[in-house]
Each structure stands twice: as structure tokens, then as C-alpha cells.
N, C-alpha and C. Protein backbone atom coordinates (compact mmCIF):
# COMPACT_ATOMS: atom_id res chain seq x y z
N MET A 1 -73.15 45.82 -14.18
CA MET A 1 -74.43 45.95 -14.85
C MET A 1 -74.34 47.14 -15.80
N LYS A 2 -74.91 47.00 -17.00
CA LYS A 2 -74.93 48.08 -17.99
C LYS A 2 -76.00 49.11 -17.61
N PRO A 3 -75.92 50.34 -18.18
CA PRO A 3 -77.03 51.27 -17.96
C PRO A 3 -78.34 50.62 -18.42
N LEU A 4 -79.42 50.97 -17.77
CA LEU A 4 -80.67 50.27 -17.99
C LEU A 4 -81.52 50.84 -19.11
N PRO A 5 -82.02 50.01 -20.02
CA PRO A 5 -82.93 50.48 -21.04
C PRO A 5 -84.34 50.66 -20.44
N LEU A 6 -85.17 51.38 -21.14
CA LEU A 6 -86.52 51.75 -20.66
C LEU A 6 -87.33 50.52 -20.22
N ALA A 7 -87.31 49.45 -20.96
CA ALA A 7 -88.20 48.34 -20.67
C ALA A 7 -87.66 47.35 -19.66
N LEU A 8 -86.45 47.57 -19.15
CA LEU A 8 -85.80 46.61 -18.29
C LEU A 8 -86.56 46.27 -17.00
N PHE A 9 -87.20 47.23 -16.44
CA PHE A 9 -87.77 47.01 -15.11
C PHE A 9 -89.18 46.43 -15.22
N ALA A 10 -89.65 46.18 -16.43
CA ALA A 10 -91.00 45.70 -16.63
C ALA A 10 -91.26 44.39 -15.88
N LEU A 11 -90.30 43.50 -15.84
CA LEU A 11 -90.50 42.23 -15.16
C LEU A 11 -90.86 42.42 -13.71
N THR A 12 -90.19 43.34 -13.05
CA THR A 12 -90.44 43.59 -11.65
C THR A 12 -91.74 44.34 -11.43
N LEU A 13 -92.09 45.26 -12.32
CA LEU A 13 -93.27 46.08 -12.10
C LEU A 13 -94.53 45.58 -12.74
N THR A 14 -94.40 44.73 -13.75
CA THR A 14 -95.57 44.31 -14.51
C THR A 14 -96.65 43.66 -13.69
N ALA A 15 -96.30 42.80 -12.77
CA ALA A 15 -97.30 42.04 -12.02
C ALA A 15 -98.00 42.87 -10.98
N GLN A 16 -97.64 44.12 -10.83
CA GLN A 16 -98.28 44.98 -9.84
C GLN A 16 -99.34 45.79 -10.56
N SER A 17 -100.59 45.44 -10.34
CA SER A 17 -101.63 46.15 -11.02
C SER A 17 -102.13 47.31 -10.18
N GLY A 18 -102.50 48.39 -10.85
CA GLY A 18 -103.07 49.56 -10.16
C GLY A 18 -102.07 50.28 -9.30
N PRO A 19 -102.54 51.29 -8.61
CA PRO A 19 -101.68 52.14 -7.82
C PRO A 19 -101.30 51.55 -6.47
N ASP A 20 -101.81 50.38 -6.10
CA ASP A 20 -101.55 49.78 -4.81
C ASP A 20 -101.09 48.35 -4.93
N PRO A 21 -99.77 48.15 -5.17
CA PRO A 21 -99.29 46.78 -5.25
C PRO A 21 -99.52 46.07 -3.92
N ASN A 22 -99.89 44.80 -3.97
CA ASN A 22 -100.11 44.04 -2.75
C ASN A 22 -99.10 42.88 -2.69
N GLY A 23 -97.84 43.21 -2.92
CA GLY A 23 -96.78 42.20 -2.92
C GLY A 23 -95.86 42.50 -4.08
N TRP A 24 -95.27 41.41 -4.61
CA TRP A 24 -94.34 41.50 -5.72
C TRP A 24 -94.53 40.32 -6.63
N GLN A 25 -94.70 40.60 -7.89
CA GLN A 25 -95.01 39.55 -8.88
C GLN A 25 -96.15 38.68 -8.36
N SER A 26 -95.96 37.36 -8.27
CA SER A 26 -97.08 36.48 -7.87
C SER A 26 -97.12 36.27 -6.36
N ILE A 27 -96.29 36.97 -5.59
CA ILE A 27 -96.25 36.80 -4.16
C ILE A 27 -97.04 37.92 -3.50
N THR A 28 -97.95 37.56 -2.60
CA THR A 28 -98.72 38.57 -1.84
C THR A 28 -98.33 38.46 -0.39
N TRP A 29 -98.64 39.52 0.36
CA TRP A 29 -98.25 39.60 1.76
C TRP A 29 -98.94 38.59 2.66
N GLN A 30 -100.02 38.02 2.24
CA GLN A 30 -100.72 37.07 3.07
C GLN A 30 -100.13 35.66 2.96
N MET A 31 -99.19 35.45 2.06
CA MET A 31 -98.68 34.10 1.80
C MET A 31 -97.74 33.58 2.86
N SER A 32 -97.80 32.25 3.04
CA SER A 32 -96.81 31.58 3.85
C SER A 32 -95.59 31.32 2.96
N LEU A 33 -94.52 30.89 3.56
CA LEU A 33 -93.31 30.55 2.80
C LEU A 33 -93.60 29.44 1.81
N ALA A 34 -94.39 28.42 2.19
CA ALA A 34 -94.72 27.34 1.28
C ALA A 34 -95.52 27.83 0.09
N GLU A 35 -96.47 28.74 0.32
CA GLU A 35 -97.26 29.31 -0.78
C GLU A 35 -96.39 30.14 -1.72
N ALA A 36 -95.45 30.90 -1.13
CA ALA A 36 -94.55 31.71 -1.96
C ALA A 36 -93.68 30.80 -2.82
N ARG A 37 -93.18 29.73 -2.24
CA ARG A 37 -92.35 28.77 -3.02
C ARG A 37 -93.16 28.23 -4.18
N ALA A 38 -94.40 27.86 -3.95
CA ALA A 38 -95.25 27.31 -5.02
C ALA A 38 -95.55 28.37 -6.11
N ALA A 39 -95.57 29.65 -5.73
CA ALA A 39 -95.89 30.71 -6.68
C ALA A 39 -94.68 31.10 -7.54
N LEU A 40 -93.48 30.76 -7.11
CA LEU A 40 -92.28 31.14 -7.82
C LEU A 40 -91.91 30.12 -8.88
N ASP A 41 -91.00 30.55 -9.73
CA ASP A 41 -90.41 29.66 -10.74
C ASP A 41 -89.82 28.45 -10.00
N PRO A 42 -89.90 27.28 -10.53
CA PRO A 42 -89.34 26.09 -9.84
C PRO A 42 -87.83 26.20 -9.58
N SER A 43 -87.17 27.10 -10.27
CA SER A 43 -85.72 27.24 -10.06
C SER A 43 -85.38 28.05 -8.82
N ALA A 44 -86.39 28.60 -8.13
CA ALA A 44 -86.11 29.34 -6.88
C ALA A 44 -85.41 28.40 -5.90
N SER A 45 -84.47 28.98 -5.18
CA SER A 45 -83.69 28.17 -4.27
C SER A 45 -83.75 28.71 -2.86
N CYS A 46 -83.27 27.92 -1.92
CA CYS A 46 -83.09 28.40 -0.55
C CYS A 46 -81.71 28.96 -0.46
N PRO A 47 -81.54 30.14 0.10
CA PRO A 47 -80.18 30.68 0.24
C PRO A 47 -79.29 29.76 1.06
N VAL A 48 -78.02 29.71 0.72
CA VAL A 48 -77.08 28.84 1.36
C VAL A 48 -76.54 29.45 2.66
N ASP A 49 -76.49 30.76 2.71
CA ASP A 49 -75.91 31.43 3.90
C ASP A 49 -76.73 31.13 5.14
N PRO A 50 -76.08 30.97 6.28
CA PRO A 50 -76.80 30.76 7.53
C PRO A 50 -77.56 32.04 7.94
N PRO A 51 -78.58 31.93 8.79
CA PRO A 51 -79.36 33.08 9.18
C PRO A 51 -78.60 34.24 9.77
N GLY A 52 -77.48 34.05 10.41
CA GLY A 52 -76.67 35.16 10.92
C GLY A 52 -77.10 35.60 12.31
N SER A 53 -76.76 36.79 12.65
CA SER A 53 -76.97 37.35 13.97
C SER A 53 -78.46 37.46 14.31
N PRO A 54 -78.80 37.21 15.60
CA PRO A 54 -80.20 37.38 16.04
C PRO A 54 -80.67 38.84 15.87
N ALA A 55 -79.75 39.78 15.73
CA ALA A 55 -80.14 41.15 15.57
C ALA A 55 -80.63 41.47 14.15
N ILE A 56 -80.40 40.53 13.20
CA ILE A 56 -80.86 40.74 11.83
C ILE A 56 -82.39 40.53 11.80
N GLU A 57 -83.09 41.53 11.30
CA GLU A 57 -84.56 41.53 11.31
C GLU A 57 -85.15 40.54 10.31
N LEU A 58 -84.65 40.56 9.05
CA LEU A 58 -85.19 39.75 8.00
C LEU A 58 -84.24 38.62 7.63
N ILE A 59 -84.83 37.47 7.36
CA ILE A 59 -84.04 36.29 6.98
C ILE A 59 -84.41 35.93 5.52
N ASP A 60 -83.36 35.75 4.68
CA ASP A 60 -83.58 35.32 3.32
C ASP A 60 -84.01 33.85 3.34
N ARG A 61 -85.23 33.59 2.86
CA ARG A 61 -85.74 32.22 2.88
C ARG A 61 -85.72 31.58 1.48
N LEU A 62 -86.00 32.37 0.48
CA LEU A 62 -85.99 31.89 -0.91
C LEU A 62 -85.25 32.91 -1.78
N CYS A 63 -84.66 32.41 -2.86
CA CYS A 63 -84.00 33.33 -3.79
C CYS A 63 -84.42 32.95 -5.20
N THR A 64 -84.76 33.94 -6.00
CA THR A 64 -85.06 33.73 -7.40
C THR A 64 -84.28 34.78 -8.17
N ARG A 65 -84.20 34.63 -9.45
CA ARG A 65 -83.46 35.59 -10.27
C ARG A 65 -84.45 36.35 -11.15
N VAL A 66 -84.19 37.66 -11.34
CA VAL A 66 -84.99 38.47 -12.25
C VAL A 66 -84.03 39.13 -13.25
N GLN A 67 -84.53 39.42 -14.40
CA GLN A 67 -83.74 40.06 -15.43
C GLN A 67 -83.84 41.59 -15.31
N LEU A 68 -82.71 42.24 -15.20
CA LEU A 68 -82.63 43.70 -15.22
C LEU A 68 -81.51 44.08 -16.18
N ALA A 69 -81.82 44.78 -17.25
CA ALA A 69 -80.85 45.21 -18.25
C ALA A 69 -80.01 44.07 -18.79
N GLY A 70 -80.64 42.93 -19.00
CA GLY A 70 -79.93 41.80 -19.54
C GLY A 70 -79.08 41.04 -18.52
N ASP A 71 -79.07 41.52 -17.31
CA ASP A 71 -78.34 40.81 -16.25
C ASP A 71 -79.33 40.13 -15.34
N SER A 72 -78.92 38.97 -14.83
CA SER A 72 -79.74 38.24 -13.88
C SER A 72 -79.31 38.65 -12.48
N VAL A 73 -80.28 39.22 -11.72
CA VAL A 73 -79.98 39.72 -10.36
C VAL A 73 -80.85 38.98 -9.37
N PRO A 74 -80.36 38.82 -8.14
CA PRO A 74 -81.14 38.06 -7.15
C PRO A 74 -82.27 38.86 -6.51
N ALA A 75 -83.37 38.17 -6.31
CA ALA A 75 -84.51 38.69 -5.55
C ALA A 75 -84.71 37.74 -4.36
N TYR A 76 -84.60 38.27 -3.15
CA TYR A 76 -84.71 37.45 -1.94
C TYR A 76 -86.09 37.58 -1.34
N ILE A 77 -86.72 36.48 -1.09
CA ILE A 77 -88.03 36.45 -0.45
C ILE A 77 -87.70 36.22 1.05
N GLN A 78 -88.16 37.15 1.91
CA GLN A 78 -87.70 37.17 3.27
C GLN A 78 -88.89 37.05 4.24
N THR A 79 -88.57 36.50 5.45
CA THR A 79 -89.51 36.46 6.54
C THR A 79 -88.87 37.11 7.74
N ALA A 80 -89.68 37.45 8.71
CA ALA A 80 -89.12 37.85 10.00
C ALA A 80 -88.52 36.59 10.63
N ARG A 81 -87.57 36.78 11.51
CA ARG A 81 -86.85 35.65 12.12
C ARG A 81 -87.78 34.60 12.73
N SER A 82 -88.86 35.02 13.36
CA SER A 82 -89.73 34.11 14.06
C SER A 82 -91.05 33.83 13.34
N SER A 83 -91.07 34.05 12.02
CA SER A 83 -92.30 33.90 11.27
C SER A 83 -92.10 33.00 10.05
N ASN A 84 -93.20 32.50 9.52
CA ASN A 84 -93.20 31.69 8.31
C ASN A 84 -93.97 32.42 7.19
N HIS A 85 -94.30 33.70 7.41
CA HIS A 85 -95.05 34.48 6.42
C HIS A 85 -94.13 35.54 5.80
N ILE A 86 -94.39 35.82 4.54
CA ILE A 86 -93.55 36.76 3.77
C ILE A 86 -93.59 38.13 4.42
N ALA A 87 -92.39 38.68 4.68
CA ALA A 87 -92.28 40.02 5.32
C ALA A 87 -91.64 41.04 4.39
N ALA A 88 -90.92 40.58 3.34
CA ALA A 88 -90.28 41.53 2.43
C ALA A 88 -89.74 40.76 1.23
N ILE A 89 -89.53 41.50 0.15
CA ILE A 89 -88.80 41.01 -1.02
C ILE A 89 -87.74 42.05 -1.29
N THR A 90 -86.49 41.63 -1.36
CA THR A 90 -85.39 42.54 -1.60
C THR A 90 -84.68 42.14 -2.86
N ILE A 91 -84.58 43.07 -3.81
CA ILE A 91 -83.87 42.83 -5.09
C ILE A 91 -82.55 43.59 -5.01
N ARG A 92 -81.45 42.87 -5.26
CA ARG A 92 -80.14 43.48 -5.33
C ARG A 92 -79.91 43.90 -6.77
N ALA A 93 -80.24 45.14 -7.08
CA ALA A 93 -80.18 45.62 -8.45
C ALA A 93 -78.79 45.89 -8.95
N ALA A 94 -77.87 46.23 -8.07
CA ALA A 94 -76.47 46.43 -8.43
C ALA A 94 -75.63 46.12 -7.18
N ASP A 95 -74.52 45.47 -7.41
CA ASP A 95 -73.71 45.03 -6.31
C ASP A 95 -72.39 45.77 -6.28
N ILE A 96 -71.65 45.56 -5.20
CA ILE A 96 -70.32 46.17 -5.08
C ILE A 96 -69.48 45.79 -6.30
N GLY A 97 -68.83 46.78 -6.87
CA GLY A 97 -67.99 46.54 -8.02
C GLY A 97 -68.67 46.90 -9.32
N ASP A 98 -69.95 47.19 -9.31
CA ASP A 98 -70.68 47.55 -10.55
C ASP A 98 -70.28 48.98 -10.92
N PRO A 99 -69.64 49.18 -12.08
CA PRO A 99 -69.19 50.51 -12.48
C PRO A 99 -70.32 51.44 -12.93
N HIS A 100 -71.52 50.91 -13.11
CA HIS A 100 -72.62 51.71 -13.60
C HIS A 100 -73.68 51.99 -12.54
N GLN A 101 -73.31 51.86 -11.25
CA GLN A 101 -74.33 51.93 -10.20
C GLN A 101 -75.07 53.26 -10.14
N GLU A 102 -74.42 54.38 -10.42
CA GLU A 102 -75.16 55.65 -10.37
C GLU A 102 -76.23 55.70 -11.47
N ALA A 103 -75.88 55.30 -12.67
CA ALA A 103 -76.82 55.28 -13.78
C ALA A 103 -77.93 54.27 -13.48
N THR A 104 -77.62 53.17 -12.88
CA THR A 104 -78.63 52.15 -12.53
C THR A 104 -79.61 52.73 -11.55
N TYR A 105 -79.12 53.37 -10.49
CA TYR A 105 -80.00 53.99 -9.49
C TYR A 105 -80.92 55.04 -10.12
N LEU A 106 -80.36 55.91 -10.93
CA LEU A 106 -81.16 56.97 -11.53
C LEU A 106 -82.22 56.42 -12.49
N GLU A 107 -81.86 55.38 -13.23
CA GLU A 107 -82.83 54.77 -14.15
C GLU A 107 -83.95 54.05 -13.39
N LEU A 108 -83.60 53.30 -12.35
CA LEU A 108 -84.63 52.63 -11.56
C LEU A 108 -85.57 53.66 -10.91
N LYS A 109 -85.01 54.74 -10.41
CA LYS A 109 -85.81 55.79 -9.79
C LYS A 109 -86.76 56.41 -10.86
N ARG A 110 -86.24 56.64 -12.05
CA ARG A 110 -87.07 57.24 -13.13
C ARG A 110 -88.22 56.30 -13.47
N LEU A 111 -87.94 54.99 -13.56
CA LEU A 111 -88.99 54.03 -13.89
C LEU A 111 -90.04 53.95 -12.79
N LEU A 112 -89.61 53.99 -11.53
CA LEU A 112 -90.58 53.99 -10.42
C LEU A 112 -91.39 55.28 -10.41
N LEU A 113 -90.77 56.40 -10.76
CA LEU A 113 -91.50 57.67 -10.88
C LEU A 113 -92.57 57.58 -11.97
N GLU A 114 -92.20 57.00 -13.10
CA GLU A 114 -93.18 56.83 -14.20
C GLU A 114 -94.36 55.94 -13.77
N LYS A 115 -94.06 54.90 -13.03
CA LYS A 115 -95.09 53.93 -12.65
C LYS A 115 -95.95 54.46 -11.48
N TYR A 116 -95.34 55.11 -10.51
CA TYR A 116 -96.03 55.45 -9.26
C TYR A 116 -96.01 56.92 -8.91
N ALA A 117 -95.51 57.79 -9.77
CA ALA A 117 -95.39 59.21 -9.48
C ALA A 117 -94.28 59.47 -8.43
N ALA A 118 -94.29 60.64 -7.84
CA ALA A 118 -93.20 61.04 -6.94
C ALA A 118 -93.21 60.20 -5.68
N PRO A 119 -92.02 59.91 -5.14
CA PRO A 119 -91.96 59.15 -3.89
C PRO A 119 -92.52 60.01 -2.73
N LYS A 120 -92.98 59.33 -1.70
CA LYS A 120 -93.49 60.02 -0.50
C LYS A 120 -92.37 60.71 0.24
N ASP A 121 -91.20 60.07 0.22
CA ASP A 121 -90.05 60.60 0.95
C ASP A 121 -88.81 60.32 0.15
N GLU A 122 -87.88 61.24 0.21
CA GLU A 122 -86.59 61.04 -0.46
C GLU A 122 -85.53 61.81 0.35
N HIS A 123 -84.44 61.10 0.64
CA HIS A 123 -83.38 61.79 1.41
C HIS A 123 -82.04 61.09 1.19
N THR A 124 -81.00 61.82 1.51
CA THR A 124 -79.64 61.33 1.45
C THR A 124 -78.95 61.64 2.76
N THR A 125 -78.28 60.63 3.30
CA THR A 125 -77.54 60.81 4.57
C THR A 125 -76.10 60.33 4.38
N ARG A 126 -75.21 60.89 5.21
CA ARG A 126 -73.80 60.48 5.18
C ARG A 126 -73.42 59.99 6.57
N SER A 127 -72.77 58.83 6.64
CA SER A 127 -72.35 58.28 7.93
C SER A 127 -70.98 58.85 8.32
N ALA A 128 -70.57 58.57 9.54
CA ALA A 128 -69.28 59.05 10.04
C ALA A 128 -68.12 58.53 9.21
N ASN A 129 -68.27 57.34 8.64
CA ASN A 129 -67.16 56.78 7.85
C ASN A 129 -67.19 57.25 6.38
N GLY A 130 -68.07 58.17 6.05
CA GLY A 130 -68.14 58.74 4.70
C GLY A 130 -69.07 58.07 3.73
N MET A 131 -69.65 56.91 4.12
CA MET A 131 -70.61 56.24 3.25
C MET A 131 -71.88 57.08 3.12
N VAL A 132 -72.48 57.06 1.94
CA VAL A 132 -73.69 57.83 1.63
C VAL A 132 -74.81 56.86 1.37
N GLU A 133 -76.01 57.20 1.88
CA GLU A 133 -77.20 56.40 1.61
C GLU A 133 -78.24 57.32 1.00
N SER A 134 -78.64 57.02 -0.23
CA SER A 134 -79.70 57.74 -0.90
C SER A 134 -80.93 56.85 -0.95
N THR A 135 -82.07 57.39 -0.51
CA THR A 135 -83.28 56.56 -0.39
C THR A 135 -84.50 57.29 -0.95
N ALA A 136 -85.29 56.57 -1.72
CA ALA A 136 -86.58 57.08 -2.19
C ALA A 136 -87.62 56.04 -1.75
N LEU A 137 -88.74 56.55 -1.13
CA LEU A 137 -89.77 55.68 -0.57
C LEU A 137 -91.13 55.99 -1.15
N TRP A 138 -91.78 54.95 -1.66
CA TRP A 138 -93.14 55.04 -2.17
C TRP A 138 -93.99 54.23 -1.18
N THR A 139 -95.12 54.81 -0.74
CA THR A 139 -96.00 54.05 0.15
C THR A 139 -97.41 53.99 -0.44
N PHE A 140 -98.07 52.88 -0.24
CA PHE A 140 -99.42 52.59 -0.72
C PHE A 140 -100.17 51.99 0.45
N PRO A 141 -101.47 51.77 0.33
CA PRO A 141 -102.22 51.17 1.45
C PRO A 141 -101.69 49.80 1.90
N HIS A 142 -101.15 48.97 0.96
CA HIS A 142 -100.72 47.65 1.33
C HIS A 142 -99.20 47.43 1.26
N THR A 143 -98.49 48.26 0.52
CA THR A 143 -97.09 47.99 0.22
C THR A 143 -96.27 49.27 0.25
N SER A 144 -95.01 49.15 0.73
CA SER A 144 -94.05 50.24 0.56
C SER A 144 -92.92 49.71 -0.33
N ILE A 145 -92.40 50.60 -1.14
CA ILE A 145 -91.27 50.28 -2.03
C ILE A 145 -90.17 51.26 -1.71
N THR A 146 -88.99 50.72 -1.37
CA THR A 146 -87.84 51.56 -1.02
C THR A 146 -86.70 51.26 -1.98
N LEU A 147 -86.27 52.29 -2.69
CA LEU A 147 -85.11 52.20 -3.55
C LEU A 147 -83.95 52.84 -2.80
N THR A 148 -82.89 52.07 -2.57
CA THR A 148 -81.77 52.57 -1.76
C THR A 148 -80.44 52.32 -2.48
N ARG A 149 -79.61 53.34 -2.41
CA ARG A 149 -78.23 53.19 -2.93
C ARG A 149 -77.27 53.54 -1.78
N TYR A 150 -76.45 52.59 -1.40
CA TYR A 150 -75.38 52.82 -0.45
C TYR A 150 -74.09 52.96 -1.25
N TYR A 151 -73.32 53.99 -0.99
CA TYR A 151 -72.07 54.11 -1.76
C TYR A 151 -71.06 54.96 -1.05
N ASP A 152 -69.82 54.79 -1.51
CA ASP A 152 -68.69 55.57 -1.03
C ASP A 152 -68.30 56.55 -2.11
N PRO A 153 -68.50 57.85 -1.91
CA PRO A 153 -68.20 58.80 -2.99
C PRO A 153 -66.70 58.85 -3.33
N ARG A 154 -65.85 58.31 -2.48
CA ARG A 154 -64.41 58.31 -2.74
C ARG A 154 -64.01 57.16 -3.67
N GLU A 155 -64.87 56.15 -3.79
CA GLU A 155 -64.59 54.98 -4.59
C GLU A 155 -65.84 54.58 -5.35
N SER A 156 -65.88 54.88 -6.62
CA SER A 156 -67.14 54.75 -7.39
C SER A 156 -67.65 53.30 -7.50
N THR A 157 -66.82 52.29 -7.31
CA THR A 157 -67.34 50.93 -7.42
C THR A 157 -67.80 50.35 -6.10
N LEU A 158 -67.68 51.11 -4.99
CA LEU A 158 -68.19 50.64 -3.70
C LEU A 158 -69.63 51.11 -3.55
N SER A 159 -70.54 50.30 -4.05
CA SER A 159 -71.94 50.68 -4.08
C SER A 159 -72.84 49.45 -4.01
N LEU A 160 -74.01 49.61 -3.46
CA LEU A 160 -74.99 48.54 -3.41
C LEU A 160 -76.36 49.20 -3.63
N ILE A 161 -77.16 48.67 -4.55
CA ILE A 161 -78.46 49.22 -4.83
C ILE A 161 -79.51 48.14 -4.55
N THR A 162 -80.49 48.45 -3.73
CA THR A 162 -81.56 47.49 -3.44
C THR A 162 -82.92 48.13 -3.68
N ILE A 163 -83.86 47.30 -4.00
CA ILE A 163 -85.27 47.68 -4.09
C ILE A 163 -85.97 46.73 -3.14
N ARG A 164 -86.63 47.29 -2.09
CA ARG A 164 -87.29 46.45 -1.10
C ARG A 164 -88.77 46.72 -1.10
N TYR A 165 -89.54 45.64 -1.22
CA TYR A 165 -90.99 45.67 -1.16
C TYR A 165 -91.36 45.15 0.23
N ARG A 166 -92.21 45.88 0.97
CA ARG A 166 -92.62 45.42 2.30
C ARG A 166 -94.11 45.70 2.48
N PRO A 167 -94.81 44.87 3.26
CA PRO A 167 -96.18 45.20 3.57
C PRO A 167 -96.29 46.40 4.50
N VAL A 168 -97.31 47.16 4.30
CA VAL A 168 -97.59 48.29 5.20
C VAL A 168 -98.45 47.81 6.33
N THR A 169 -98.01 48.10 7.55
CA THR A 169 -98.80 47.70 8.72
C THR A 169 -99.89 48.74 8.96
N PRO A 170 -101.14 48.35 9.00
CA PRO A 170 -102.21 49.33 9.20
C PRO A 170 -102.07 50.01 10.55
N SER A 171 -102.40 51.30 10.58
CA SER A 171 -102.38 52.05 11.81
C SER A 171 -103.50 51.60 12.73
N PRO A 172 -103.25 51.46 14.03
CA PRO A 172 -104.32 51.03 14.94
C PRO A 172 -105.36 52.13 15.18
N LEU A 173 -105.08 53.33 14.69
CA LEU A 173 -106.03 54.46 14.90
C LEU A 173 -107.16 54.46 13.91
């Protein structure tokens, strides 16, 4: 993926009105999988990969493509394993092998800062195997947005950048 121009992220952010997005683009958190499919472009597909381990929390149910910096990247519409209602949308903004992943992460973060101000939380952690995870989290009454970059500082092309939209569960208090 090339470094991102200023207007690139507009497609992902445009449909979110006001300071409290209630979903992503035309998908809202109250929707069933069938409603989400109807709201998406007809070219949206069902992922081919099997659901995987029962330990995996979110299951990719639909996949659509969004334009970022002239590249088409996947956006996965996900449900919890035992549910038919939308639980998250995850956009893979840069994949392993992308030589521009650091610039991509910084530009996406800058655009989210412009749209939503400073994140509520931001941190970087390193695992025992040397992998680094940088995360910025924005939270709103109905939605959280997490920008994450996983990378190996020893190998610049080993990186994955995701943007995940999730509903915020109201506090019982």
C-alpha cells in the first residue's frame, strides 16, 4: 500500500455522522446479518475460510472491499460465534509484506485524530517473541474504534494494521 493521501479515509469515515458513530457506513449495531447483507454493496461476499477454533471470539460473516489510498482492502462484517447480529467490523488496512505500514498507521491515526480528537487510550506493548502492538482507542456512547498495528521491529515488512469498529456495551450501573 502506498502512503495515504489526506482524502483516502473519507470512505470509511464519511458515513459516520456526529461525534458518536453507531456502526460503520450503512451498517448499525442493531442489524442482523441479513439486514447487513442488504445494506452492503451487492458484491459483498461470504468469506471462504472456515470458522476456525471455538476459541475465536468473532467470525467473519461477510466481506466487502473499501478503497484506501487507491488500494482495495477488505472490510469484514463479523458476528459472535453464537449470534446472528453484527458484533464488529474489521478493516485490514495493511497486510503482511506492505512496505509502507508505518506511514499507513501514522496517517490513519492522524485522520482519526482530525475526525474524533485524541484517543481515549493509546499504548504500545512488546511480546516475549519481540512482536510489538501499537493501539489507539476511541470510545463513544455506542461505538469504539481501535486502530492497531502489529509488527516485528526486526523485519519492517512483518506488519498488520487493522481498524476495528465495535458496539459499546452499556454499563449496568
